[in-house]
Amino acid sequence: EEDNLQHKEDLLEIINPTFLVQEESIDWEEGCLSVPDFFENVKRFNKVSIAYKDRYGNDKILKAEGFLAVAIQHEIDHLNGILFVDKLPILRRKKFEQALKKCKNPKD
């Protein structure tokens, strides 16, 4: 929301998500708190549908499109130990690794 508050009705608690549908490949510029100050285009799906459990163990299905679909994919990647930089083609991945090295060793 524009008011920068977390509204309870907007909270998503997604447990054990499984993709049911992934459609329409898109490029989306992503960043991550795990990799600060680095942004790159990543191939994602524009539309997804997931099955999951809520906090009470109830089966749920969520259909998402656009930003929410990309955010869900990004967060599910985290659950699987994947960062968005792991999805980059080799040349862009090398660019990231060089930038990371400069951050760690600014004298180089």
PDB file of N, CA and C in Angstrom:
ATOM      1  N   GLU A   1       0.834  -1.189   0.000  1.00  0.00           N
ATOM      2  CA  GLU A   1       0.000   0.000   0.000  1.00  0.00           C
ATOM      3  C   GLU A   1       0.874   1.245   0.000  1.00  0.00           C
ATOM      4  N   GLU A   2       0.304   2.318  -0.471  1.00  0.00           N
ATOM      5  CA  GLU A   2       1.029   3.598  -0.550  1.00  0.00           C
ATOM      6  C   GLU A   2       1.341   4.179   0.830  1.00  0.00           C
ATOM      7  N   ASP A   3       0.638   3.723   1.889  1.00  0.00           N
ATOM      8  CA  ASP A   3       0.854   4.288   3.221  1.00  0.00           C
ATOM      9  C   ASP A   3       2.042   3.658   3.962  1.00  0.00           C
ATOM     10  N   ASN A   4       2.736   2.726   3.304  1.00  0.00           N
ATOM     11  CA  ASN A   4       3.919   2.066   3.862  1.00  0.00           C
ATOM     12  C   ASN A   4       3.632   1.290   5.151  1.00  0.00           C
ATOM     13  N   LEU A   5       2.396   0.850   5.338  1.00  0.00           N
ATOM     14  CA  LEU A   5       2.030   0.036   6.483  1.00  0.00           C
ATOM     15  C   LEU A   5       1.714  -1.385   6.021  1.00  0.00           C
ATOM     16  N   GLN A   6       1.973  -2.346   6.895  1.00  0.00           N
ATOM     17  CA  GLN A   6       1.620  -3.736   6.598  1.00  0.00           C
ATOM     18  C   GLN A   6       0.213  -3.974   7.127  1.00  0.00           C
ATOM     19  N   HIS A   7      -0.730  -4.156   6.225  1.00  0.00           N
ATOM     20  CA  HIS A   7      -2.110  -4.414   6.608  1.00  0.00           C
ATOM     21  C   HIS A   7      -2.324  -5.914   6.733  1.00  0.00           C
ATOM     22  N   LYS A   8      -2.963  -6.341   7.817  1.00  0.00           N
ATOM     23  CA  LYS A   8      -3.145  -7.767   8.084  1.00  0.00           C
ATOM     24  C   LYS A   8      -3.820  -8.483   6.922  1.00  0.00           C
ATOM     25  N   GLU A   9      -4.771  -7.838   6.272  1.00  0.00           N
ATOM     26  CA  GLU A   9      -5.489  -8.486   5.168  1.00  0.00           C
ATOM     27  C   GLU A   9      -4.583  -8.710   3.946  1.00  0.00           C
ATOM     28  N   ASP A  10      -3.427  -8.054   3.892  1.00  0.00           N
ATOM     29  CA  ASP A  10      -2.489  -8.229   2.783  1.00  0.00           C
ATOM     30  C   ASP A  10      -1.379  -9.235   3.098  1.00  0.00           C
ATOM     31  N   LEU A  11      -1.343  -9.727   4.325  1.00  0.00           N
ATOM     32  CA  LEU A  11      -0.294 -10.643   4.749  1.00  0.00           C
ATOM     33  C   LEU A  11      -0.491 -12.014   4.108  1.00  0.00           C
ATOM     34  N   LEU A  12       0.575 -12.550   3.528  1.00  0.00           N
ATOM     35  CA  LEU A  12       0.549 -13.896   2.955  1.00  0.00           C
ATOM     36  C   LEU A  12       1.452 -14.795   3.785  1.00  0.00           C
ATOM     37  N   GLU A  13       0.899 -15.854   4.328  1.00  0.00           N
ATOM     38  CA  GLU A  13       1.672 -16.870   5.024  1.00  0.00           C
ATOM     39  C   GLU A  13       1.550 -18.136   4.191  1.00  0.00           C
ATOM     40  N   ILE A  14       2.639 -18.492   3.545  1.00  0.00           N
ATOM     41  CA  ILE A  14       2.634 -19.586   2.578  1.00  0.00           C
ATOM     42  C   ILE A  14       3.570 -20.676   3.091  1.00  0.00           C
ATOM     43  N   ILE A  15       2.999 -21.845   3.347  1.00  0.00           N
ATOM     44  CA  ILE A  15       3.768 -22.959   3.888  1.00  0.00           C
ATOM     45  C   ILE A  15       3.799 -24.091   2.860  1.00  0.00           C
ATOM     46  N   ASN A  16       4.994 -24.614   2.613  1.00  0.00           N
ATOM     47  CA  ASN A  16       5.204 -25.716   1.662  1.00  0.00           C
ATOM     48  C   ASN A  16       4.582 -25.456   0.289  1.00  0.00           C
ATOM     49  N   PRO A  17       4.976 -24.359  -0.357  1.00  0.00           N
ATOM     50  CA  PRO A  17       4.387 -24.048  -1.668  1.00  0.00           C
ATOM     51  C   PRO A  17       4.847 -25.004  -2.760  1.00  0.00           C
ATOM     52  N   THR A  18       3.938 -25.257  -3.691  1.00  0.00           N
ATOM     53  CA  THR A  18       4.217 -26.073  -4.864  1.00  0.00           C
ATOM     54  C   THR A  18       3.623 -25.378  -6.075  1.00  0.00           C
ATOM     55  N   PHE A  19       4.426 -25.206  -7.114  1.00  0.00           N
ATOM     56  CA  PHE A  19       3.908 -24.579  -8.330  1.00  0.00           C
ATOM     57  C   PHE A  19       2.944 -25.513  -9.046  1.00  0.00           C
ATOM     58  N   LEU A  20       1.806 -24.979  -9.412  1.00  0.00           N
ATOM     59  CA  LEU A  20       0.829 -25.698 -10.226  1.00  0.00           C
ATOM     60  C   LEU A  20       0.897 -25.233 -11.673  1.00  0.00           C
ATOM     61  N   VAL A  21       1.077 -23.919 -11.849  1.00  0.00           N
ATOM     62  CA  VAL A  21       1.111 -23.303 -13.178  1.00  0.00           C
ATOM     63  C   VAL A  21       2.219 -22.255 -13.195  1.00  0.00           C
ATOM     64  N   GLN A  22       2.968 -22.219 -14.298  1.00  0.00           N
ATOM     65  CA  GLN A  22       3.963 -21.174 -14.545  1.00  0.00           C
ATOM     66  C   GLN A  22       3.841 -20.819 -16.017  1.00  0.00           C
ATOM     67  N   GLU A  23       3.427 -19.573 -16.303  1.00  0.00           N
ATOM     68  CA  GLU A  23       3.146 -19.168 -17.685  1.00  0.00           C
ATOM     69  C   GLU A  23       3.774 -17.829 -18.013  1.00  0.00           C
ATOM     70  N   GLU A  24       4.019 -17.634 -19.288  1.00  0.00           N
ATOM     71  CA  GLU A  24       4.464 -16.352 -19.855  1.00  0.00           C
ATOM     72  C   GLU A  24       5.816 -15.902 -19.311  1.00  0.00           C
ATOM     73  N   SER A  25       6.862 -16.358 -19.915  1.00  0.00           N
ATOM     74  CA  SER A  25       8.210 -15.971 -19.522  1.00  0.00           C
ATOM     75  C   SER A  25       8.420 -14.471 -19.713  1.00  0.00           C
ATOM     76  N   ILE A  26       9.025 -13.834 -18.721  1.00  0.00           N
ATOM     77  CA  ILE A  26       9.339 -12.399 -18.782  1.00  0.00           C
ATOM     78  C   ILE A  26      10.726 -12.168 -18.197  1.00  0.00           C
ATOM     79  N   ASP A  27      11.305 -11.022 -18.515  1.00  0.00           N
ATOM     80  CA  ASP A  27      12.523 -10.566 -17.848  1.00  0.00           C
ATOM     81  C   ASP A  27      12.098  -9.552 -16.795  1.00  0.00           C
ATOM     82  N   TRP A  28      12.622  -9.705 -15.591  1.00  0.00           N
ATOM     83  CA  TRP A  28      12.242  -8.818 -14.496  1.00  0.00           C
ATOM     84  C   TRP A  28      13.504  -8.376 -13.781  1.00  0.00           C
ATOM     85  N   GLU A  29      13.661  -7.058 -13.578  1.00  0.00           N
ATOM     86  CA  GLU A  29      14.832  -6.578 -12.846  1.00  0.00           C
ATOM     87  C   GLU A  29      14.643  -6.860 -11.362  1.00  0.00           C
ATOM     88  N   GLU A  30      15.588  -7.604 -10.803  1.00  0.00           N
ATOM     89  CA  GLU A  30      15.492  -7.994  -9.403  1.00  0.00           C
ATOM     90  C   GLU A  30      16.687  -7.518  -8.610  1.00  0.00           C
ATOM     91  N   GLY A  31      16.445  -7.369  -7.340  1.00  0.00           N
ATOM     92  CA  GLY A  31      17.463  -7.115  -6.348  1.00  0.00           C
ATOM     93  C   GLY A  31      17.088  -7.937  -5.131  1.00  0.00           C
ATOM     94  N   CYS A  32      17.936  -7.906  -4.116  1.00  0.00           N
ATOM     95  CA  CYS A  32      17.657  -8.727  -2.942  1.00  0.00           C
ATOM     96  C   CYS A  32      18.449  -8.190  -1.754  1.00  0.00           C
ATOM     97  N   LEU A  33      17.853  -8.261  -0.582  1.00  0.00           N
ATOM     98  CA  LEU A  33      18.565  -7.845   0.624  1.00  0.00           C
ATOM     99  C   LEU A  33      19.781  -8.728   0.883  1.00  0.00           C
ATOM    100  N   SER A  34      19.773  -9.955   0.353  1.00  0.00           N
ATOM    101  CA  SER A  34      20.919 -10.850   0.504  1.00  0.00           C
ATOM    102  C   SER A  34      22.107 -10.421  -0.350  1.00  0.00           C
ATOM    103  N   VAL A  35      21.835  -9.612  -1.383  1.00  0.00           N
ATOM    104  CA  VAL A  35      22.870  -9.130  -2.298  1.00  0.00           C
ATOM    105  C   VAL A  35      22.630  -7.622  -2.492  1.00  0.00           C
ATOM    106  N   PRO A  36      22.948  -6.815  -1.483  1.00  0.00           N
ATOM    107  CA  PRO A  36      22.609  -5.392  -1.557  1.00  0.00           C
ATOM    108  C   PRO A  36      23.292  -4.659  -2.714  1.00  0.00           C
ATOM    109  N   ASP A  37      22.591  -3.690  -3.253  1.00  0.00           N
ATOM    110  CA  ASP A  37      23.107  -2.789  -4.293  1.00  0.00           C
ATOM    111  C   ASP A  37      23.441  -3.480  -5.613  1.00  0.00           C
ATOM    112  N   PHE A  38      22.859  -4.626  -5.870  1.00  0.00           N
ATOM    113  CA  PHE A  38      23.072  -5.314  -7.136  1.00  0.00           C
ATOM    114  C   PHE A  38      21.722  -5.666  -7.730  1.00  0.00           C
ATOM    115  N   PHE A  39      21.518  -5.261  -8.973  1.00  0.00           N
ATOM    116  CA  PHE A  39      20.240  -5.495  -9.657  1.00  0.00           C
ATOM    117  C   PHE A  39      20.538  -6.047 -11.042  1.00  0.00           C
ATOM    118  N   GLU A  40      19.775  -7.037 -11.459  1.00  0.00           N
ATOM    119  CA  GLU A  40      19.933  -7.635 -12.778  1.00  0.00           C
ATOM    120  C   GLU A  40      18.595  -8.172 -13.260  1.00  0.00           C
ATOM    121  N   ASN A  41      18.466  -8.285 -14.572  1.00  0.00           N
ATOM    122  CA  ASN A  41      17.277  -8.902 -15.152  1.00  0.00           C
ATOM    123  C   ASN A  41      17.363 -10.408 -15.004  1.00  0.00           C
ATOM    124  N   VAL A  42      16.257 -10.996 -14.576  1.00  0.00           N
ATOM    125  CA  VAL A  42      16.162 -12.437 -14.374  1.00  0.00           C
ATOM    126  C   VAL A  42      14.928 -12.933 -15.123  1.00  0.00           C
ATOM    127  N   LYS A  43      15.036 -14.093 -15.744  1.00  0.00           N
ATOM    128  CA  LYS A  43      13.871 -14.700 -16.393  1.00  0.00           C
ATOM    129  C   LYS A  43      12.954 -15.277 -15.322  1.00  0.00           C
ATOM    130  N   ARG A  44      11.706 -14.878 -15.374  1.00  0.00           N
ATOM    131  CA  ARG A  44      10.679 -15.344 -14.446  1.00  0.00           C
ATOM    132  C   ARG A  44       9.413 -15.637 -15.238  1.00  0.00           C
ATOM    133  N   PHE A  45       8.394 -16.106 -14.538  1.00  0.00           N
ATOM    134  CA  PHE A  45       7.085 -16.288 -15.147  1.00  0.00           C
ATOM    135  C   PHE A  45       6.184 -15.150 -14.701  1.00  0.00           C
ATOM    136  N   ASN A  46       5.412 -14.622 -15.637  1.00  0.00           N
ATOM    137  CA  ASN A  46       4.502 -13.523 -15.338  1.00  0.00           C
ATOM    138  C   ASN A  46       3.249 -13.996 -14.600  1.00  0.00           C
ATOM    139  N   LYS A  47       2.877 -15.255 -14.784  1.00  0.00           N
ATOM    140  CA  LYS A  47       1.698 -15.813 -14.122  1.00  0.00           C
ATOM    141  C   LYS A  47       2.077 -17.125 -13.447  1.00  0.00           C
ATOM    142  N   VAL A  48       1.682 -17.260 -12.191  1.00  0.00           N
ATOM    143  CA  VAL A  48       1.905 -18.502 -11.465  1.00  0.00           C
ATOM    144  C   VAL A  48       0.658 -18.855 -10.670  1.00  0.00           C
ATOM    145  N   SER A  49       0.554 -20.111 -10.374  1.00  0.00           N
ATOM    146  CA  SER A  49      -0.462 -20.611  -9.463  1.00  0.00           C
ATOM    147  C   SER A  49       0.259 -21.579  -8.540  1.00  0.00           C
ATOM    148  N   ILE A  50       0.033 -21.431  -7.224  1.00  0.00           N
ATOM    149  CA  ILE A  50       0.698 -22.310  -6.270  1.00  0.00           C
ATOM    150  C   ILE A  50      -0.325 -22.944  -5.330  1.00  0.00           C
ATOM    151  N   ALA A  51      -0.018 -24.157  -4.923  1.00  0.00           N
ATOM    152  CA  ALA A  51      -0.756 -24.819  -3.852  1.00  0.00           C
ATOM    153  C   ALA A  51       0.106 -24.687  -2.604  1.00  0.00           C
ATOM    154  N   TYR A  52      -0.520 -24.462  -1.464  1.00  0.00           N
ATOM    155  CA  TYR A  52       0.223 -24.314  -0.215  1.00  0.00           C
ATOM    156  C   TYR A  52      -0.704 -24.569   0.967  1.00  0.00           C
ATOM    157  N   LYS A  53      -0.126 -24.576   2.142  1.00  0.00           N
ATOM    158  CA  LYS A  53      -0.890 -24.688   3.386  1.00  0.00           C
ATOM    159  C   LYS A  53      -0.847 -23.341   4.100  1.00  0.00           C
ATOM    160  N   ASP A  54      -1.932 -22.994   4.769  1.00  0.00           N
ATOM    161  CA  ASP A  54      -1.901 -21.805   5.621  1.00  0.00           C
ATOM    162  C   ASP A  54      -1.431 -22.229   7.014  1.00  0.00           C
ATOM    163  N   ARG A  55      -1.351 -21.296   7.933  1.00  0.00           N
ATOM    164  CA  ARG A  55      -0.820 -21.589   9.268  1.00  0.00           C
ATOM    165  C   ARG A  55      -1.657 -22.600  10.043  1.00  0.00           C
ATOM    166  N   TYR A  56      -2.884 -22.836   9.601  1.00  0.00           N
ATOM    167  CA  TYR A  56      -3.766 -23.787  10.280  1.00  0.00           C
ATOM    168  C   TYR A  56      -3.787 -25.150   9.582  1.00  0.00           C
ATOM    169  N   GLY A  57      -2.959 -25.311   8.556  1.00  0.00           N
ATOM    170  CA  GLY A  57      -2.890 -26.574   7.841  1.00  0.00           C
ATOM    171  C   GLY A  57      -3.926 -26.732   6.746  1.00  0.00           C
ATOM    172  N   ASN A  58      -4.653 -25.663   6.448  1.00  0.00           N
ATOM    173  CA  ASN A  58      -5.661 -25.710   5.389  1.00  0.00           C
ATOM    174  C   ASN A  58      -4.998 -25.614   4.021  1.00  0.00           C
ATOM    175  N   ASP A  59      -5.487 -26.418   3.069  1.00  0.00           N
ATOM    176  CA  ASP A  59      -4.997 -26.347   1.700  1.00  0.00           C
ATOM    177  C   ASP A  59      -5.516 -25.090   1.024  1.00  0.00           C
ATOM    178  N   LYS A  60      -4.612 -24.392   0.334  1.00  0.00           N
ATOM    179  CA  LYS A  60      -4.963 -23.152  -0.355  1.00  0.00           C
ATOM    180  C   LYS A  60      -4.352 -23.166  -1.751  1.00  0.00           C
ATOM    181  N   ILE A  61      -4.928 -22.354  -2.617  1.00  0.00           N
ATOM    182  CA  ILE A  61      -4.363 -22.115  -3.945  1.00  0.00           C
ATOM    183  C   ILE A  61      -4.327 -20.614  -4.155  1.00  0.00           C
ATOM    184  N   LEU A  62      -3.214 -20.130  -4.679  1.00  0.00           N
ATOM    185  CA  LEU A  62      -3.055 -18.706  -4.967  1.00  0.00           C
ATOM    186  C   LEU A  62      -2.657 -18.545  -6.417  1.00  0.00           C
ATOM    187  N   LYS A  63      -3.370 -17.694  -7.119  1.00  0.00           N
ATOM    188  CA  LYS A  63      -3.009 -17.321  -8.488  1.00  0.00           C
ATOM    189  C   LYS A  63      -2.454 -15.909  -8.425  1.00  0.00           C
ATOM    190  N   ALA A  64      -1.315 -15.701  -9.076  1.00  0.00           N
ATOM    191  CA  ALA A  64      -0.670 -14.389  -9.033  1.00  0.00           C
ATOM    192  C   ALA A  64      -0.150 -14.029 -10.409  1.00  0.00           C
ATOM    193  N   GLU A  65      -0.038 -12.710 -10.624  1.00  0.00           N
ATOM    194  CA  GLU A  65       0.434 -12.186 -11.899  1.00  0.00           C
ATOM    195  C   GLU A  65       1.314 -10.969 -11.638  1.00  0.00           C
ATOM    196  N   GLY A  66       2.277 -10.742 -12.517  1.00  0.00           N
ATOM    197  CA  GLY A  66       3.122  -9.552 -12.425  1.00  0.00           C
ATOM    198  C   GLY A  66       4.031  -9.581 -11.207  1.00  0.00           C
ATOM    199  N   PHE A  67       4.091  -8.443 -10.507  1.00  0.00           N
ATOM    200  CA  PHE A  67       5.011  -8.288  -9.380  1.00  0.00           C
ATOM    201  C   PHE A  67       4.817  -9.375  -8.327  1.00  0.00           C
ATOM    202  N   LEU A  68       3.576  -9.680  -7.960  1.00  0.00           N
ATOM    203  CA  LEU A  68       3.341 -10.703  -6.941  1.00  0.00           C
ATOM    204  C   LEU A  68       3.847 -12.063  -7.410  1.00  0.00           C
ATOM    205  N   ALA A  69       3.626 -12.405  -8.666  1.00  0.00           N
ATOM    206  CA  ALA A  69       4.114 -13.680  -9.208  1.00  0.00           C
ATOM    207  C   ALA A  69       5.638 -13.752  -9.131  1.00  0.00           C
ATOM    208  N   VAL A  70       6.300 -12.663  -9.483  1.00  0.00           N
ATOM    209  CA  VAL A  70       7.768 -12.622  -9.435  1.00  0.00           C
ATOM    210  C   VAL A  70       8.246 -12.721  -7.987  1.00  0.00           C
ATOM    211  N   ALA A  71       7.608 -11.999  -7.074  1.00  0.00           N
ATOM    212  CA  ALA A  71       8.000 -12.038  -5.661  1.00  0.00           C
ATOM    213  C   ALA A  71       7.850 -13.448  -5.088  1.00  0.00           C
ATOM    214  N   ILE A  72       6.767 -14.119  -5.444  1.00  0.00           N
ATOM    215  CA  ILE A  72       6.557 -15.494  -4.967  1.00  0.00           C
ATOM    216  C   ILE A  72       7.667 -16.409  -5.480  1.00  0.00           C
ATOM    217  N   GLN A  73       8.010 -16.298  -6.757  1.00  0.00           N
ATOM    218  CA  GLN A  73       9.086 -17.121  -7.311  1.00  0.00           C
ATOM    219  C   GLN A  73      10.415 -16.837  -6.612  1.00  0.00           C
ATOM    220  N   HIS A  74      10.684 -15.555  -6.387  1.00  0.00           N
ATOM    221  CA  HIS A  74      11.919 -15.132  -5.726  1.00  0.00           C
ATOM    222  C   HIS A  74      12.004 -15.748  -4.324  1.00  0.00           C
ATOM    223  N   GLU A  75      10.920 -15.671  -3.571  1.00  0.00           N
ATOM    224  CA  GLU A  75      10.925 -16.180  -2.199  1.00  0.00           C
ATOM    225  C   GLU A  75      10.969 -17.704  -2.151  1.00  0.00           C
ATOM    226  N   ILE A  76      10.296 -18.373  -3.085  1.00  0.00           N
ATOM    227  CA  ILE A  76      10.372 -19.833  -3.140  1.00  0.00           C
ATOM    228  C   ILE A  76      11.793 -20.263  -3.496  1.00  0.00           C
ATOM    229  N   ASP A  77      12.461 -19.491  -4.359  1.00  0.00           N
ATOM    230  CA  ASP A  77      13.878 -19.772  -4.638  1.00  0.00           C
ATOM    231  C   ASP A  77      14.690 -19.740  -3.348  1.00  0.00           C
ATOM    232  N   HIS A  78      14.436 -18.740  -2.495  1.00  0.00           N
ATOM    233  CA  HIS A  78      15.151 -18.665  -1.212  1.00  0.00           C
ATOM    234  C   HIS A  78      14.924 -19.931  -0.392  1.00  0.00           C
ATOM    235  N   LEU A  79      13.687 -20.431  -0.368  1.00  0.00           N
ATOM    236  CA  LEU A  79      13.399 -21.662   0.371  1.00  0.00           C
ATOM    237  C   LEU A  79      14.222 -22.834  -0.149  1.00  0.00           C
ATOM    238  N   ASN A  80      14.563 -22.772  -1.439  1.00  0.00           N
ATOM    239  CA  ASN A  80      15.340 -23.834  -2.077  1.00  0.00           C
ATOM    240  C   ASN A  80      16.838 -23.519  -2.135  1.00  0.00           C
ATOM    241  N   GLY A  81      17.265 -22.465  -1.419  1.00  0.00           N
ATOM    242  CA  GLY A  81      18.679 -22.128  -1.356  1.00  0.00           C
ATOM    243  C   GLY A  81      19.227 -21.445  -2.595  1.00  0.00           C
ATOM    244  N   ILE A  82      18.346 -20.793  -3.366  1.00  0.00           N
ATOM    245  CA  ILE A  82      18.751 -20.154  -4.618  1.00  0.00           C
ATOM    246  C   ILE A  82      18.601 -18.640  -4.486  1.00  0.00           C
ATOM    247  N   LEU A  83      19.643 -17.908  -4.879  1.00  0.00           N
ATOM    248  CA  LEU A  83      19.569 -16.450  -4.975  1.00  0.00           C
ATOM    249  C   LEU A  83      19.343 -16.075  -6.438  1.00  0.00           C
ATOM    250  N   PHE A  84      18.817 -14.876  -6.669  1.00  0.00           N
ATOM    251  CA  PHE A  84      18.543 -14.484  -8.054  1.00  0.00           C
ATOM    252  C   PHE A  84      19.814 -14.473  -8.899  1.00  0.00           C
ATOM    253  N   VAL A  85      20.959 -14.207  -8.295  1.00  0.00           N
ATOM    254  CA  VAL A  85      22.212 -14.197  -9.060  1.00  0.00           C
ATOM    255  C   VAL A  85      22.589 -15.594  -9.547  1.00  0.00           C
ATOM    256  N   ASP A  86      22.080 -16.623  -8.885  1.00  0.00           N
ATOM    257  CA  ASP A  86      22.337 -17.996  -9.330  1.00  0.00           C
ATOM    258  C   ASP A  86      21.648 -18.291 -10.658  1.00  0.00           C
ATOM    259  N   LYS A  87      20.667 -17.488 -11.029  1.00  0.00           N
ATOM    260  CA  LYS A  87      19.905 -17.699 -12.257  1.00  0.00           C
ATOM    261  C   LYS A  87      20.474 -16.926 -13.449  1.00  0.00           C
ATOM    262  N   LEU A  88      21.526 -16.143 -13.213  1.00  0.00           N
ATOM    263  CA  LEU A  88      22.089 -15.311 -14.272  1.00  0.00           C
ATOM    264  C   LEU A  88      22.919 -16.138 -15.257  1.00  0.00           C
ATOM    265  N   PRO A  89      22.919 -15.721 -16.521  1.00  0.00           N
ATOM    266  CA  PRO A  89      23.838 -16.344 -17.483  1.00  0.00           C
ATOM    267  C   PRO A  89      25.278 -16.114 -17.035  1.00  0.00           C
ATOM    268  N   ILE A  90      26.193 -16.933 -17.498  1.00  0.00           N
ATOM    269  CA  ILE A  90      27.568 -16.950 -17.000  1.00  0.00           C
ATOM    270  C   ILE A  90      28.263 -15.588 -17.081  1.00  0.00           C
ATOM    271  N   LEU A  91      28.073 -14.825 -18.162  1.00  0.00           N
ATOM    272  CA  LEU A  91      28.764 -13.538 -18.277  1.00  0.00           C
ATOM    273  C   LEU A  91      28.250 -12.527 -17.258  1.00  0.00           C
ATOM    274  N   ARG A  92      26.940 -12.488 -17.057  1.00  0.00           N
ATOM    275  CA  ARG A  92      26.385 -11.567 -16.057  1.00  0.00           C
ATOM    276  C   ARG A  92      26.723 -12.045 -14.648  1.00  0.00           C
ATOM    277  N   ARG A  93      26.830 -13.339 -14.469  1.00  0.00           N
ATOM    278  CA  ARG A  93      27.223 -13.884 -13.170  1.00  0.00           C
ATOM    279  C   ARG A  93      28.655 -13.469 -12.848  1.00  0.00           C
ATOM    280  N   LYS A  94      29.528 -13.510 -13.848  1.00  0.00           N
ATOM    281  CA  LYS A  94      30.920 -13.075 -13.661  1.00  0.00           C
ATOM    282  C   LYS A  94      30.978 -11.593 -13.292  1.00  0.00           C
ATOM    283  N   LYS A  95      30.130 -10.779 -13.945  1.00  0.00           N
ATOM    284  CA  LYS A  95      30.062  -9.347 -13.629  1.00  0.00           C
ATOM    285  C   LYS A  95      29.703  -9.154 -12.152  1.00  0.00           C
ATOM    286  N   PHE A  96      28.731  -9.924 -11.691  1.00  0.00           N
ATOM    287  CA  PHE A  96      28.340  -9.859 -10.281  1.00  0.00           C
ATOM    288  C   PHE A  96      29.505 -10.256  -9.375  1.00  0.00           C
ATOM    289  N   GLU A  97      30.175 -11.345  -9.706  1.00  0.00           N
ATOM    290  CA  GLU A  97      31.280 -11.823  -8.874  1.00  0.00           C
ATOM    291  C   GLU A  97      32.404 -10.799  -8.793  1.00  0.00           C
ATOM    292  N   GLN A  98      32.673 -10.105  -9.912  1.00  0.00           N
ATOM    293  CA  GLN A  98      33.699  -9.063  -9.911  1.00  0.00           C
ATOM    294  C   GLN A  98      33.274  -7.879  -9.041  1.00  0.00           C
ATOM    295  N   ALA A  99      32.004  -7.490  -9.140  1.00  0.00           N
ATOM    296  CA  ALA A  99      31.501  -6.383  -8.320  1.00  0.00           C
ATOM    297  C   ALA A  99      31.546  -6.754  -6.838  1.00  0.00           C
ATOM    298  N   LEU A 100      31.205  -7.986  -6.522  1.00  0.00           N
ATOM    299  CA  LEU A 100      31.241  -8.451  -5.137  1.00  0.00           C
ATOM    300  C   LEU A 100      32.669  -8.449  -4.601  1.00  0.00           C
ATOM    301  N   LYS A 101      33.604  -8.884  -5.437  1.00  0.00           N
ATOM    302  CA  LYS A 101      35.013  -8.906  -5.034  1.00  0.00           C
ATOM    303  C   LYS A 101      35.504  -7.494  -4.734  1.00  0.00           C
ATOM    304  N   LYS A 102      35.101  -6.507  -5.562  1.00  0.00           N
ATOM    305  CA  LYS A 102      35.504  -5.108  -5.331  1.00  0.00           C
ATOM    306  C   LYS A 102      34.918  -4.592  -4.025  1.00  0.00           C
ATOM    307  N   CYS A 103      33.703  -5.006  -3.688  1.00  0.00           N
ATOM    308  CA  CYS A 103      33.094  -4.571  -2.420  1.00  0.00           C
ATOM    309  C   CYS A 103      33.861  -5.122  -1.222  1.00  0.00           C
ATOM    310  N   LYS A 104      34.329  -6.352  -1.362  1.00  0.00           N
ATOM    311  CA  LYS A 104      35.049  -6.994  -0.251  1.00  0.00           C
ATOM    312  C   LYS A 104      36.481  -6.490  -0.154  1.00  0.00           C
ATOM    313  N   ASN A 105      37.082  -6.132  -1.313  1.00  0.00           N
ATOM    314  CA  ASN A 105      38.467  -5.656  -1.353  1.00  0.00           C
ATOM    315  C   ASN A 105      38.525  -4.337  -2.115  1.00  0.00           C
ATOM    316  N   PRO A 106      38.089  -3.233  -1.519  1.00  0.00           N
ATOM    317  CA  PRO A 106      38.007  -1.974  -2.244  1.00  0.00           C
ATOM    318  C   PRO A 106      39.358  -1.446  -2.757  1.00  0.00           C
ATOM    319  N   LYS A 107      40.493  -1.933  -2.246  1.00  0.00           N
ATOM    320  CA  LYS A 107      41.822  -1.471  -2.702  1.00  0.00           C
ATOM    321  C   LYS A 107      42.222  -2.109  -4.019  1.00  0.00           C
ATOM    322  N   ASP A 108      41.558  -3.213  -4.426  1.00  0.00           N
ATOM    323  CA  ASP A 108      41.901  -3.907  -5.679  1.00  0.00           C
ATOM    324  C   ASP A 108      41.403  -3.122  -6.875  1.00  0.00           C
TER     325      ASP A 108
END
